[in-house]
Amino acid sequence: MGKNKIINFFSALGRSLLMPIAALAACGIVLGLTSALMKAQVQAAVPFLSQGILYFIIFTLNKISGVVFTLIPVLFAISIAFGLADEEKEIAAFAGFIGYYTFLVGSSCMINSGFMNFEALKISSILGVETLDMGAVAGMIAGIVTAILHNRYHKITFPVAIAFYGGKRFVSLVVMIAMGFVGLLAPVVWAPVSYAIDSLGGLISASGLVGVFGFGFLERLLIPTGLHHVLNGIFRTTSIGGIYNEVEGCLNIFLQFIDQVDINELAPFTIFLGQGKMPMMMFGLPAAALAIYQTSPAEKKPKVKALMIAGVAASVVSGITEPLEFSFMFVAPVLFLFHALMGGLSFMLMAAFQVIIGNTGGGLIDFLIWGVFQPGSHWYWVVIVGPFFSVIYYFVFKTYLTKKNLTIDVSDEEESESSGVSLEEKQLTQATRIIEGLGGFDNIVGKVNNCLTRLRVDVKDMSLVDETLLKKTGAMGFVRPSDTHIQVVYGPKVEGIAANVRAVLKN
């Protein structure tokens, strides 16, 4: 049971970290495009970009999209509190912000107390408070503590005289007290903790290409558990991913300094970002999809083709790979291990060839905006290396699937052609069938959540889950991190599916 709780916690934490990271990635696209348009080389080639109102619009969008990267700790505090809360999530999110701000004030009070010498610590002005700067770690701590306290006390009741302060109102009070204490304690304990984290980052950096390969391999290998979001979040927002001019985290560094320093200065940090995924996502997986289609039985080919086309489009354009990965992950785990190794190789080769393409996606959008449109990014290595990945993936997948006589499992259900059924009715029917596949209304515990590609559901009895029925609703794969939690992979369309399921459950 303890193991299940730990896995559930980290799975939920990964989902919570994904919310602000997704916002950063979206803002990064705007920042990258406007940054490219403001480059001297681009404006010299297209002079009207530097004129009047058009330049003002580009400049404004650049500044607006860039400001979000200064708010990562508070975004983490809010999103983690929201994501880890069992109920009344909006109350937890509100308390998460209060907790983070109380932490800042508590740390400031200790630093200015004169009890100890804190000159060795990094002190910054954060949200108007001169305080200990722990970066994203402070936001993570605030979010986790807030969620724990919220889940424990949001239904507490008091005697009539003070009943007003019970329940969800008490959450903010107890969070303020707890995070104030944590804030007072943080300057005392942070120095050795910070040193240990920085040392780990230094060790990874010193390991060179071997470390980059290990990161890329692990990043793919963790896909089935969803914990790759945690790994990415740590590298992107803490000193483990690097430190540059007192800014921590490879993503933070890249996006904050892309317009301020020579792009070559950022090469040590983009090695953990989107560039490492591009040969694998844009070339390798599409070739694997072709091999999967060609080795499928004739009667399955039409549906396999539809699945592969959707998966390739998501992988190439936006860097969302799970629809393809889950199509072979459990049918041919050896191929998934090969894929993880190729992921490590992809990261390593891009680092070895000094490619400098940031952001998080790894698809065509990031390739164009952060690669082709950025002078000095060495984007052409992606195009040079990519075809070799295509050949290797195609040969390995086709050979293995043919030799083992394996085929990708697809639903045998025929599509309904009833034109009299509206889109809304189809969506509600699908949601109802998903609930049935999950064991029915009574088997679902708490709120149905989702990440970028997965429906995440807590259930009372896992034996009641009907995978065959869920596959007929479009499910591409399943992950069971514990005996009471299931993740159903639907791909990029999952957000709408989750909303429909929640609507049916509510009614």
Protein backbone atom coordinates (compact mmCIF):
# COMPACT_ATOMS: atom_id res chain seq x y z
CA MET A 1 0.00 0.00 0.00
CA GLY A 2 2.87 2.36 0.81
CA LYS A 3 4.35 1.80 -2.63
CA ASN A 4 1.02 2.61 -4.27
CA LYS A 5 0.74 5.86 -2.33
CA ILE A 6 4.24 6.92 -3.38
CA ILE A 7 3.57 6.13 -7.04
CA ASN A 8 0.21 7.91 -6.91
CA PHE A 9 1.82 10.95 -5.31
CA PHE A 10 4.56 11.31 -7.90
CA SER A 11 2.11 10.65 -10.73
CA ALA A 12 -0.16 13.42 -9.44
CA LEU A 13 2.86 15.67 -8.89
CA GLY A 14 3.95 15.14 -12.48
CA ARG A 15 0.48 16.04 -13.72
CA SER A 16 0.49 19.18 -11.56
CA LEU A 17 3.90 20.29 -12.82
CA LEU A 18 2.65 19.89 -16.36
CA MET A 19 0.12 22.74 -16.02
CA PRO A 20 2.65 25.59 -15.65
CA ILE A 21 5.16 23.87 -17.94
CA ALA A 22 2.52 23.72 -20.68
CA ALA A 23 1.85 27.44 -20.18
CA LEU A 24 5.57 28.11 -20.42
CA ALA A 25 5.80 26.13 -23.65
CA ALA A 26 2.90 28.06 -25.20
CA CYS A 27 4.36 31.41 -24.13
CA GLY A 28 7.73 30.17 -25.38
CA ILE A 29 6.35 29.80 -28.91
CA VAL A 30 5.22 33.45 -28.88
CA LEU A 31 8.49 34.53 -27.28
CA GLY A 32 10.52 32.59 -29.83
CA LEU A 33 8.64 33.93 -32.83
CA THR A 34 8.81 37.55 -31.65
CA SER A 35 12.44 37.09 -30.66
CA ALA A 36 13.26 35.88 -34.15
CA LEU A 37 11.40 38.80 -35.72
CA MET A 38 13.37 41.26 -33.57
CA LYS A 39 16.77 39.85 -34.59
CA ALA A 40 18.95 42.36 -36.43
CA GLN A 41 19.56 39.89 -39.27
CA VAL A 42 15.82 39.31 -39.79
CA GLN A 43 14.93 43.00 -39.65
CA ALA A 44 17.71 43.80 -42.11
CA ALA A 45 16.22 41.27 -44.53
CA VAL A 46 12.61 42.41 -43.88
CA PRO A 47 12.87 46.14 -43.05
CA PHE A 48 9.14 46.78 -42.52
CA LEU A 49 9.28 44.65 -39.31
CA SER A 50 11.15 47.48 -37.59
CA GLN A 51 8.62 50.15 -38.52
CA GLY A 52 6.15 51.90 -36.22
CA ILE A 53 3.09 50.03 -34.98
CA LEU A 54 4.20 46.62 -36.26
CA TYR A 55 7.43 46.73 -34.25
CA PHE A 56 5.49 47.96 -31.21
CA ILE A 57 3.14 44.95 -31.45
CA ILE A 58 6.05 42.50 -31.80
CA PHE A 59 7.92 44.14 -28.91
CA THR A 60 4.84 44.09 -26.66
CA LEU A 61 4.08 40.44 -27.36
CA ASN A 62 7.72 39.61 -26.65
CA LYS A 63 7.64 41.30 -23.24
CA ILE A 64 4.23 39.91 -22.26
CA SER A 65 5.17 36.33 -23.18
CA GLY A 66 8.50 36.67 -21.37
CA VAL A 67 7.12 37.84 -18.03
CA VAL A 68 5.59 34.44 -17.21
CA PHE A 69 9.06 32.95 -16.81
CA THR A 70 9.68 35.14 -13.77
CA LEU A 71 6.62 33.66 -12.05
CA ILE A 72 7.49 29.96 -12.12
CA PRO A 73 7.70 29.42 -8.32
CA VAL A 74 4.29 30.96 -7.65
CA LEU A 75 2.81 29.07 -10.62
CA PHE A 76 4.16 25.84 -9.14
CA ALA A 77 2.73 26.68 -5.71
CA ILE A 78 -0.74 27.23 -7.17
CA SER A 79 -0.74 24.37 -9.68
CA ILE A 80 0.66 21.74 -7.31
CA ALA A 81 -1.81 22.69 -4.58
CA PHE A 82 -4.60 22.50 -7.16
CA GLY A 83 -3.40 19.22 -8.68
CA LEU A 84 -2.79 17.34 -5.43
CA ALA A 85 -6.01 18.45 -3.72
CA ASP A 86 -8.65 15.74 -3.51
CA GLU A 87 -11.64 18.11 -3.42
CA GLU A 88 -12.37 21.86 -3.42
CA LYS A 89 -9.36 22.35 -5.69
CA GLU A 90 -9.96 26.07 -6.18
CA ILE A 91 -9.66 26.60 -2.41
CA ALA A 92 -6.37 24.71 -2.41
CA ALA A 93 -5.04 26.82 -5.30
CA PHE A 94 -5.92 30.02 -3.44
CA ALA A 95 -4.24 28.72 -0.30
CA GLY A 96 -1.21 27.70 -2.39
CA PHE A 97 -0.56 31.33 -3.30
CA ILE A 98 -1.07 32.46 0.30
CA GLY A 99 1.30 29.73 1.49
CA TYR A 100 4.01 30.72 -0.98
CA TYR A 101 3.78 34.42 -0.07
CA THR A 102 3.79 33.61 3.66
CA PHE A 103 6.90 31.51 3.07
CA LEU A 104 8.62 34.49 1.42
CA VAL A 105 7.76 36.77 4.34
CA GLY A 106 8.83 34.17 6.93
CA SER A 107 12.18 33.72 5.20
CA SER A 108 12.64 37.49 5.03
CA CYS A 109 11.99 37.82 8.76
CA MET A 110 14.61 35.18 9.59
CA ILE A 111 17.21 36.69 7.24
CA ASN A 112 16.74 40.14 8.79
CA SER A 113 16.62 38.83 12.38
CA GLY A 114 20.38 38.97 12.99
CA PHE A 115 20.30 35.52 14.61
CA MET A 116 22.75 34.11 12.06
CA ASN A 117 24.90 35.22 9.15
CA PHE A 118 23.00 34.52 5.93
CA GLU A 119 25.35 36.32 3.54
CA ALA A 120 26.15 33.09 1.70
CA LEU A 121 22.52 32.66 0.62
CA LYS A 122 21.02 34.09 -2.56
CA ILE A 123 18.73 36.98 -1.59
CA SER A 124 16.35 38.46 -4.18
CA SER A 125 13.30 40.66 -4.41
CA ILE A 126 10.37 38.32 -5.05
CA LEU A 127 6.84 39.70 -5.29
CA GLY A 128 8.08 42.81 -3.50
CA VAL A 129 9.80 40.95 -0.64
CA GLU A 130 13.59 40.85 -0.09
CA THR A 131 13.89 37.18 0.81
CA LEU A 132 15.61 33.85 0.30
CA ASP A 133 15.56 32.87 -3.37
CA MET A 134 15.02 29.11 -3.62
CA GLY A 135 13.67 29.30 -7.15
CA ALA A 136 11.09 26.74 -8.21
CA VAL A 137 11.83 24.54 -5.17
CA ALA A 138 10.07 27.03 -2.88
CA GLY A 139 6.96 26.88 -5.04
CA MET A 140 7.03 23.08 -5.04
CA ILE A 141 7.31 22.95 -1.24
CA ALA A 142 4.50 25.48 -0.79
CA GLY A 143 2.23 23.56 -3.17
CA ILE A 144 2.87 20.16 -1.58
CA VAL A 145 2.45 21.41 2.02
CA THR A 146 -0.71 23.29 1.07
CA ALA A 147 -2.24 20.22 -0.61
CA ILE A 148 -1.48 18.00 2.40
CA LEU A 149 -3.02 20.47 4.84
CA HIS A 150 -5.99 21.14 2.55
CA ASN A 151 -6.82 17.45 2.18
CA ARG A 152 -6.67 17.02 5.94
CA TYR A 153 -8.52 20.11 7.16
CA HIS A 154 -10.87 21.38 4.44
CA LYS A 155 -13.86 19.69 6.12
CA ILE A 156 -12.96 20.43 9.74
CA THR A 157 -15.79 21.74 11.96
CA PHE A 158 -15.60 23.95 15.06
CA PRO A 159 -18.06 24.83 17.85
CA VAL A 160 -20.85 27.23 16.88
CA ALA A 161 -19.09 30.30 18.30
CA ILE A 162 -16.17 29.91 15.88
CA ALA A 163 -17.85 27.77 13.21
CA PHE A 164 -17.25 30.51 10.64
CA TYR A 165 -13.52 29.70 10.69
CA GLY A 166 -13.98 26.00 10.01
CA GLY A 167 -13.83 24.05 6.76
CA LYS A 168 -12.27 25.70 3.76
CA ARG A 169 -11.68 28.98 5.62
CA PHE A 170 -9.45 27.15 8.07
CA VAL A 171 -7.26 25.89 5.23
CA SER A 172 -5.77 29.32 4.53
CA LEU A 173 -5.17 29.91 8.23
CA VAL A 174 -3.36 26.63 8.85
CA VAL A 175 -1.38 27.03 5.62
CA MET A 176 -0.23 30.51 6.69
CA ILE A 177 0.96 29.19 10.04
CA ALA A 178 2.69 26.15 8.56
CA MET A 179 4.36 27.97 5.67
CA GLY A 180 5.38 30.83 7.94
CA PHE A 181 7.23 28.29 10.08
CA VAL A 182 8.75 26.63 6.99
CA GLY A 183 9.84 30.08 5.81
CA LEU A 184 11.57 30.77 9.12
CA LEU A 185 13.34 27.42 8.95
CA ALA A 186 14.33 27.59 5.26
CA PRO A 187 17.31 30.01 5.52
CA VAL A 188 18.83 27.80 8.22
CA VAL A 189 18.67 24.54 6.24
CA TRP A 190 18.81 25.74 2.63
CA ALA A 191 22.57 26.26 2.33
CA PRO A 192 23.56 22.55 2.57
CA VAL A 193 20.51 21.44 0.56
CA SER A 194 21.31 23.97 -2.16
CA TYR A 195 24.91 22.83 -2.19
CA ALA A 196 23.83 19.20 -2.66
CA ILE A 197 21.48 20.12 -5.52
CA ASP A 198 24.12 22.26 -7.21
CA SER A 199 26.65 19.46 -6.81
CA LEU A 200 24.29 17.01 -8.51
CA GLY A 201 23.85 19.48 -11.35
CA GLY A 202 27.61 19.85 -11.58
CA LEU A 203 28.05 16.07 -11.65
CA ILE A 204 25.56 15.75 -14.53
CA SER A 205 27.31 18.56 -16.38
CA ALA A 206 30.74 17.02 -15.80
CA SER A 207 29.56 13.68 -17.17
CA GLY A 208 29.25 15.33 -20.60
CA LEU A 209 27.59 13.39 -23.40
CA VAL A 210 27.13 10.32 -21.19
CA GLY A 211 24.96 12.38 -18.84
CA VAL A 212 22.96 13.79 -21.74
CA PHE A 213 22.38 10.27 -23.09
CA GLY A 214 21.26 9.10 -19.64
CA PHE A 215 18.79 11.96 -19.37
CA GLY A 216 17.30 11.29 -22.81
CA PHE A 217 17.06 7.54 -22.15
CA LEU A 218 15.38 8.03 -18.76
CA GLU A 219 13.05 10.71 -20.12
CA ARG A 220 11.62 8.19 -22.60
CA LEU A 221 11.73 5.20 -20.26
CA LEU A 222 9.54 6.98 -17.71
CA ILE A 223 6.76 7.66 -20.25
CA PRO A 224 4.57 4.70 -19.11
CA THR A 225 4.52 5.99 -15.52
CA GLY A 226 4.02 9.65 -16.35
CA LEU A 227 7.00 10.48 -14.13
CA HIS A 228 8.90 11.95 -17.07
CA HIS A 229 7.04 15.18 -16.27
CA VAL A 230 8.74 15.24 -12.86
CA LEU A 231 12.17 14.59 -14.39
CA ASN A 232 11.67 17.31 -17.00
CA GLY A 233 10.29 19.76 -14.44
CA ILE A 234 13.33 19.35 -12.20
CA PHE A 235 15.82 19.90 -15.01
CA ARG A 236 13.88 22.78 -16.52
CA THR A 237 13.32 24.78 -13.33
CA THR A 238 16.03 23.92 -10.77
CA SER A 239 19.82 24.16 -10.59
CA ILE A 240 20.13 20.51 -11.62
CA GLY A 241 19.45 21.76 -15.15
CA GLY A 242 22.14 24.43 -14.86
CA ILE A 243 22.80 27.91 -13.44
CA TYR A 244 23.52 31.01 -15.52
CA ASN A 245 23.73 34.55 -14.11
CA GLU A 246 21.91 33.37 -10.95
CA VAL A 247 18.99 31.94 -12.97
CA GLU A 248 18.33 28.24 -12.36
CA GLY A 249 16.92 25.59 -14.69
CA CYS A 250 17.68 25.00 -18.36
CA LEU A 251 14.29 26.20 -19.63
CA ASN A 252 14.32 29.30 -17.42
CA ILE A 253 17.83 30.16 -18.58
CA PHE A 254 17.11 29.69 -22.26
CA LEU A 255 13.90 31.69 -22.36
CA GLN A 256 15.15 34.52 -20.14
CA PHE A 257 18.45 35.04 -21.96
CA ILE A 258 17.68 34.17 -25.60
CA ASP A 259 17.37 37.87 -26.44
CA GLN A 260 20.19 39.06 -24.18
CA VAL A 261 23.29 36.98 -24.90
CA ASP A 262 24.98 35.29 -27.82
CA ILE A 263 23.09 32.10 -28.60
CA ASN A 264 26.26 30.02 -28.15
CA GLU A 265 26.22 30.94 -24.45
CA LEU A 266 23.02 28.91 -24.11
CA ALA A 267 24.34 25.69 -25.67
CA PRO A 268 25.06 23.97 -22.30
CA PHE A 269 21.40 24.33 -21.33
CA THR A 270 19.49 23.43 -24.50
CA ILE A 271 20.99 19.93 -24.36
CA PHE A 272 18.12 18.99 -22.00
CA LEU A 273 15.41 20.73 -24.04
CA GLY A 274 13.41 20.16 -27.23
CA GLN A 275 16.38 19.73 -29.59
CA GLY A 276 17.16 16.29 -28.17
CA LYS A 277 13.74 14.98 -29.12
CA MET A 278 13.59 16.22 -32.70
CA PRO A 279 15.37 13.44 -34.63
CA MET A 280 13.37 10.86 -32.69
CA MET A 281 9.99 12.63 -32.85
CA MET A 282 10.11 14.11 -36.34
CA PHE A 283 11.90 11.28 -38.13
CA GLY A 284 12.19 8.13 -36.03
CA LEU A 285 8.61 7.61 -34.85
CA PRO A 286 7.00 8.39 -38.24
CA ALA A 287 9.21 5.68 -39.79
CA ALA A 288 8.18 3.30 -36.99
CA ALA A 289 4.53 4.10 -37.75
CA LEU A 290 5.08 3.19 -41.40
CA ALA A 291 6.60 -0.14 -40.37
CA ILE A 292 3.69 -0.82 -38.02
CA TYR A 293 1.20 -0.12 -40.81
CA GLN A 294 3.03 -2.28 -43.36
CA THR A 295 3.26 -5.26 -40.99
CA SER A 296 -0.43 -5.12 -40.02
CA PRO A 297 -2.86 -7.70 -41.44
CA ALA A 298 -4.85 -6.49 -44.43
CA GLU A 299 -8.14 -6.46 -42.48
CA LYS A 300 -6.63 -4.20 -39.80
CA LYS A 301 -4.75 -1.82 -42.08
CA PRO A 302 -7.49 0.83 -42.53
CA LYS A 303 -7.85 1.37 -38.78
CA VAL A 304 -4.13 1.06 -38.11
CA LYS A 305 -3.54 3.62 -40.85
CA ALA A 306 -5.94 6.09 -39.22
CA LEU A 307 -4.28 5.57 -35.84
CA MET A 308 -0.78 5.98 -37.24
CA ILE A 309 -1.63 9.12 -39.23
CA ALA A 310 -3.09 10.79 -36.13
CA GLY A 311 -0.09 9.72 -34.06
CA VAL A 312 2.46 10.92 -36.62
CA ALA A 313 0.71 14.29 -36.94
CA ALA A 314 0.80 14.81 -33.17
CA SER A 315 4.46 13.73 -32.93
CA VAL A 316 5.80 15.73 -35.87
CA VAL A 317 3.86 18.95 -35.39
CA SER A 318 3.63 19.37 -31.63
CA GLY A 319 5.97 16.76 -30.15
CA ILE A 320 3.22 14.69 -28.49
CA THR A 321 4.40 11.10 -28.87
CA GLU A 322 2.28 9.05 -26.51
CA PRO A 323 -0.41 8.03 -29.05
CA LEU A 324 2.32 6.32 -31.10
CA GLU A 325 4.34 5.03 -28.15
CA PHE A 326 1.36 3.40 -26.47
CA SER A 327 0.44 1.65 -29.69
CA PHE A 328 3.50 -0.61 -29.37
CA MET A 329 4.66 -0.13 -25.77
CA PHE A 330 2.86 -3.14 -24.32
CA VAL A 331 2.58 -5.23 -27.46
CA ALA A 332 6.34 -5.08 -28.05
CA PRO A 333 8.19 -3.85 -24.92
CA VAL A 334 11.53 -4.66 -26.57
CA LEU A 335 10.75 -2.02 -29.19
CA PHE A 336 9.94 0.48 -26.47
CA LEU A 337 13.31 -0.19 -24.84
CA PHE A 338 14.94 0.33 -28.25
CA HIS A 339 12.96 3.57 -28.57
CA ALA A 340 14.20 4.78 -25.17
CA LEU A 341 17.80 4.03 -26.17
CA MET A 342 17.30 5.95 -29.41
CA GLY A 343 15.86 8.79 -27.37
CA GLY A 344 19.09 8.93 -25.38
CA LEU A 345 21.10 8.81 -28.60
CA SER A 346 18.97 11.61 -30.06
CA PHE A 347 19.73 13.89 -27.12
CA MET A 348 23.42 12.95 -27.17
CA LEU A 349 23.93 13.60 -30.89
CA MET A 350 22.23 16.99 -30.80
CA ALA A 351 24.52 17.96 -27.91
CA ALA A 352 27.59 16.60 -29.70
CA PHE A 353 26.82 18.63 -32.83
CA GLN A 354 26.31 21.81 -30.78
CA VAL A 355 22.67 22.27 -31.76
CA ILE A 356 21.07 25.13 -29.82
CA ILE A 357 17.28 24.78 -30.04
CA GLY A 358 15.32 25.40 -26.85
CA ASN A 359 11.74 25.18 -25.55
CA THR A 360 10.07 21.89 -24.70
CA GLY A 361 8.07 20.50 -27.63
CA GLY A 362 10.50 18.78 -29.94
CA GLY A 363 8.15 19.03 -32.91
CA LEU A 364 8.03 21.03 -36.12
CA ILE A 365 6.71 24.19 -34.43
CA ASP A 366 9.66 24.43 -32.04
CA PHE A 367 12.06 23.36 -34.80
CA LEU A 368 11.00 26.27 -37.00
CA ILE A 369 10.61 28.97 -34.35
CA TRP A 370 13.59 28.13 -32.14
CA GLY A 371 15.77 26.55 -34.83
CA VAL A 372 15.34 27.70 -38.40
CA PHE A 373 14.32 31.24 -37.40
CA GLN A 374 17.20 31.66 -34.91
CA PRO A 375 20.59 32.50 -36.47
CA GLY A 376 23.38 30.33 -35.08
CA SER A 377 21.14 27.51 -33.79
CA HIS A 378 22.78 24.88 -36.06
CA TRP A 379 19.30 23.57 -36.84
CA TYR A 380 20.49 21.82 -39.99
CA TRP A 381 21.95 18.97 -37.92
CA VAL A 382 18.40 17.86 -37.12
CA VAL A 383 17.73 17.45 -40.84
CA ILE A 384 21.06 15.69 -41.39
CA VAL A 385 20.70 13.23 -38.49
CA GLY A 386 16.94 12.72 -38.85
CA PRO A 387 16.94 10.52 -41.98
CA PHE A 388 19.36 8.08 -40.32
CA PHE A 389 16.88 7.77 -37.45
CA SER A 390 14.12 7.10 -39.99
CA VAL A 391 16.08 4.25 -41.59
CA ILE A 392 17.08 2.69 -38.26
CA TYR A 393 13.58 2.90 -36.76
CA TYR A 394 11.96 1.50 -39.89
CA PHE A 395 14.39 -1.42 -40.17
CA VAL A 396 14.23 -2.36 -36.48
CA PHE A 397 10.45 -2.09 -36.18
CA LYS A 398 9.67 -3.92 -39.41
CA THR A 399 12.21 -6.67 -38.72
CA TYR A 400 11.08 -7.26 -35.14
CA LEU A 401 7.34 -7.13 -35.84
CA THR A 402 7.69 -9.45 -38.82
CA LYS A 403 9.94 -11.92 -37.01
CA LYS A 404 7.71 -12.06 -33.93
CA ASN A 405 4.51 -11.93 -36.02
CA LEU A 406 3.18 -9.10 -33.85
CA THR A 407 0.45 -6.65 -34.82
CA ILE A 408 -0.88 -3.53 -33.14
CA ASP A 409 -4.17 -4.05 -31.36
CA VAL A 410 -7.01 -1.89 -32.66
CA SER A 411 -10.70 -1.89 -31.90
CA ASP A 412 -12.89 -4.13 -34.02
CA GLU A 413 -15.89 -1.86 -33.51
CA GLU A 414 -17.37 -0.42 -36.69
CA GLU A 415 -17.89 3.34 -36.86
CA SER A 416 -21.45 4.51 -36.62
CA GLU A 417 -22.64 6.32 -39.73
CA SER A 418 -25.87 7.68 -38.27
CA SER A 419 -25.97 11.23 -39.59
CA GLY A 420 -28.97 12.09 -37.45
CA VAL A 421 -26.86 12.07 -34.27
CA SER A 422 -25.38 15.42 -33.33
CA LEU A 423 -21.74 15.87 -32.32
CA GLU A 424 -22.78 16.69 -28.75
CA GLU A 425 -24.81 13.49 -28.51
CA LYS A 426 -21.87 11.44 -29.84
CA GLN A 427 -19.56 13.01 -27.26
CA LEU A 428 -21.95 12.31 -24.40
CA THR A 429 -22.43 8.74 -25.63
CA GLN A 430 -18.66 8.28 -25.71
CA ALA A 431 -18.33 9.71 -22.19
CA THR A 432 -21.05 7.39 -20.89
CA ARG A 433 -19.31 4.37 -22.41
CA ILE A 434 -16.01 5.45 -20.89
CA ILE A 435 -17.65 5.60 -17.47
CA GLU A 436 -19.08 2.14 -18.09
CA GLY A 437 -15.63 0.91 -19.13
CA LEU A 438 -14.19 2.28 -15.91
CA GLY A 439 -16.56 0.14 -13.89
CA GLY A 440 -19.57 2.44 -13.69
CA PHE A 441 -20.44 5.57 -11.75
CA ASP A 442 -19.99 3.93 -8.36
CA ASN A 443 -16.51 2.66 -9.18
CA ILE A 444 -15.06 6.10 -9.89
CA VAL A 445 -13.56 7.90 -6.90
CA GLY A 446 -13.09 11.67 -6.79
CA LYS A 447 -12.71 13.91 -9.80
CA VAL A 448 -11.64 12.70 -13.23
CA ASN A 449 -8.43 14.48 -14.29
CA ASN A 450 -6.26 14.56 -17.39
CA CYS A 451 -2.83 15.61 -18.61
CA LEU A 452 -1.84 16.26 -22.22
CA THR A 453 -2.74 12.79 -23.45
CA ARG A 454 -4.18 10.71 -20.60
CA LEU A 455 -7.42 10.42 -18.69
CA ARG A 456 -6.45 9.89 -15.03
CA VAL A 457 -9.00 8.19 -12.80
CA ASP A 458 -9.07 6.73 -9.28
CA VAL A 459 -11.26 3.63 -9.01
CA LYS A 460 -12.50 1.49 -6.13
CA ASP A 461 -12.10 -1.90 -7.85
CA MET A 462 -9.63 -2.24 -10.72
CA SER A 463 -11.09 -5.61 -11.70
CA LEU A 464 -14.26 -3.84 -12.89
CA VAL A 465 -12.35 -1.86 -15.54
CA ASP A 466 -13.15 -3.14 -19.04
CA GLU A 467 -10.21 -2.43 -21.37
CA THR A 468 -12.01 -3.85 -24.39
CA LEU A 469 -14.86 -1.40 -23.98
CA LEU A 470 -12.48 1.50 -23.35
CA LYS A 471 -10.58 0.69 -26.55
CA LYS A 472 -13.84 0.99 -28.44
CA THR A 473 -14.10 4.58 -27.17
CA GLY A 474 -10.71 5.40 -28.73
CA ALA A 475 -8.33 4.46 -25.91
CA MET A 476 -4.81 3.73 -27.18
CA GLY A 477 -3.27 2.26 -24.05
CA PHE A 478 -3.48 1.91 -20.29
CA VAL A 479 -1.18 2.51 -17.34
CA ARG A 480 -1.94 1.30 -13.81
CA PRO A 481 0.52 3.02 -11.44
CA SER A 482 -1.32 1.48 -8.47
CA ASP A 483 -4.20 -0.82 -7.56
CA THR A 484 -6.63 2.10 -7.47
CA HIS A 485 -5.45 4.45 -10.23
CA ILE A 486 -5.63 4.03 -13.99
CA GLN A 487 -4.44 6.26 -16.82
CA VAL A 488 -6.24 5.84 -20.13
CA VAL A 489 -4.35 7.20 -23.14
CA TYR A 490 -6.51 9.10 -25.66
CA GLY A 491 -3.95 11.46 -27.15
CA PRO A 492 -4.28 15.25 -27.63
CA LYS A 493 -8.10 15.08 -27.70
CA VAL A 494 -8.22 13.93 -24.05
CA GLU A 495 -9.05 17.35 -22.60
CA GLY A 496 -12.43 17.44 -24.33
CA ILE A 497 -13.07 13.79 -23.42
CA ALA A 498 -12.29 14.47 -19.75
CA ALA A 499 -14.64 17.47 -19.74
CA ASN A 500 -17.44 15.34 -21.22
CA VAL A 501 -16.87 12.56 -18.68
CA ARG A 502 -16.98 15.04 -15.81
CA ALA A 503 -20.20 16.53 -17.21
CA VAL A 504 -21.88 13.11 -17.36
CA LEU A 505 -20.67 12.22 -13.85
CA LYS A 506 -22.01 15.51 -12.52
CA ASN A 507 -25.43 14.90 -14.01
